[in-house]
Amino acid sequence: MEVRIGIKHAPRELAFETESTAEEVRGLIEDAIAKDRAIIPLSDTKGRQYLVDTESIAYIELGGDAGRKVGFIS
């Protein structure tokens, strides 16, 4: 699944693919915000970890399947 996070005062968004479901990622983010945590730890399919400041989040987009398309698509 693809995750896109908009960061306040940043021209680009943080985008990565994860093996977690949309419900798992949403639950993790909602839990961190409800418990007033400063940082949300997230990881991608390649094992990289992202630490996102909860105060800096502008928006979060949880996408569908992360599969990349190869070749010509009509």
Protein backbone atom coordinates (compact mmCIF):
# COMPACT_ATOMS: atom_id res chain seq x y z
CA MET A 1 0.00 0.00 0.00
CA GLU A 2 1.21 3.51 -0.78
CA VAL A 3 1.37 6.17 1.96
CA ARG A 4 1.74 9.89 1.28
CA ILE A 5 2.24 12.37 4.10
CA GLY A 6 2.12 16.12 3.55
CA ILE A 7 4.43 18.04 5.86
CA LYS A 8 3.64 21.63 6.88
CA HIS A 9 6.02 24.24 5.40
CA ALA A 10 7.67 21.64 3.12
CA PRO A 11 7.34 21.79 -0.68
CA ARG A 12 7.37 17.99 -1.10
CA GLU A 13 5.46 15.17 0.52
CA LEU A 14 6.83 12.01 2.10
CA ALA A 15 5.80 9.04 -0.06
CA PHE A 16 6.61 5.38 0.47
CA GLU A 17 5.19 1.89 0.08
CA THR A 18 4.43 -0.35 3.08
CA GLU A 19 3.24 -3.88 3.63
CA SER A 20 0.84 -2.70 6.36
CA THR A 21 -2.85 -2.30 5.60
CA ALA A 22 -4.57 1.08 5.49
CA GLU A 23 -6.36 0.22 8.75
CA GLU A 24 -3.06 -0.57 10.52
CA VAL A 25 -1.40 2.66 9.41
CA ARG A 26 -4.48 4.73 10.24
CA GLY A 27 -4.74 3.10 13.68
CA LEU A 28 -1.07 3.79 14.39
CA ILE A 29 -1.41 7.45 13.42
CA GLU A 30 -4.69 7.99 15.29
CA ASP A 31 -3.27 6.31 18.41
CA ALA A 32 -0.13 8.49 18.35
CA ILE A 33 -2.18 11.68 17.98
CA ALA A 34 -4.72 10.65 20.66
CA LYS A 35 -1.93 9.87 23.15
CA ASP A 36 -0.18 13.16 22.30
CA ARG A 37 3.02 11.48 21.11
CA ALA A 38 5.57 13.69 19.40
CA ILE A 39 6.73 11.17 16.79
CA ILE A 40 5.10 8.45 14.69
CA PRO A 41 7.44 5.63 13.60
CA LEU A 42 6.64 4.18 10.15
CA SER A 43 8.55 1.74 7.94
CA ASP A 44 8.50 0.90 4.24
CA THR A 45 8.80 -2.33 2.26
CA LYS A 46 12.58 -1.90 1.91
CA GLY A 47 13.14 -1.74 5.68
CA ARG A 48 13.69 2.02 5.89
CA GLN A 49 12.18 3.74 8.90
CA TYR A 50 10.56 7.18 8.96
CA LEU A 51 10.00 9.23 12.10
CA VAL A 52 7.26 11.76 11.46
CA ASP A 53 6.60 14.68 13.81
CA THR A 54 2.86 14.66 14.62
CA GLU A 55 2.73 18.46 14.87
CA SER A 56 4.08 18.83 11.31
CA ILE A 57 1.52 16.62 9.54
CA ALA A 58 -0.65 18.53 7.07
CA TYR A 59 -2.43 15.50 5.57
CA ILE A 60 -2.11 11.74 5.12
CA GLU A 61 -3.16 9.84 2.00
CA LEU A 62 -3.50 6.08 2.25
CA GLY A 63 -3.53 4.50 -1.21
CA GLY A 64 -4.36 1.16 -2.69
CA ASP A 65 -1.98 -1.53 -3.89
CA ALA A 66 1.60 -0.44 -4.31
CA GLY A 67 2.31 -2.50 -7.42
CA ARG A 68 4.12 -0.62 -10.14
CA LYS A 69 2.95 -0.95 -13.70
CA VAL A 70 5.48 -1.86 -16.35
CA GLY A 71 5.08 -1.46 -20.09
CA PHE A 72 2.47 0.27 -22.16
CA ILE A 73 -0.97 0.69 -20.65
CA SER A 74 -3.94 1.67 -22.76
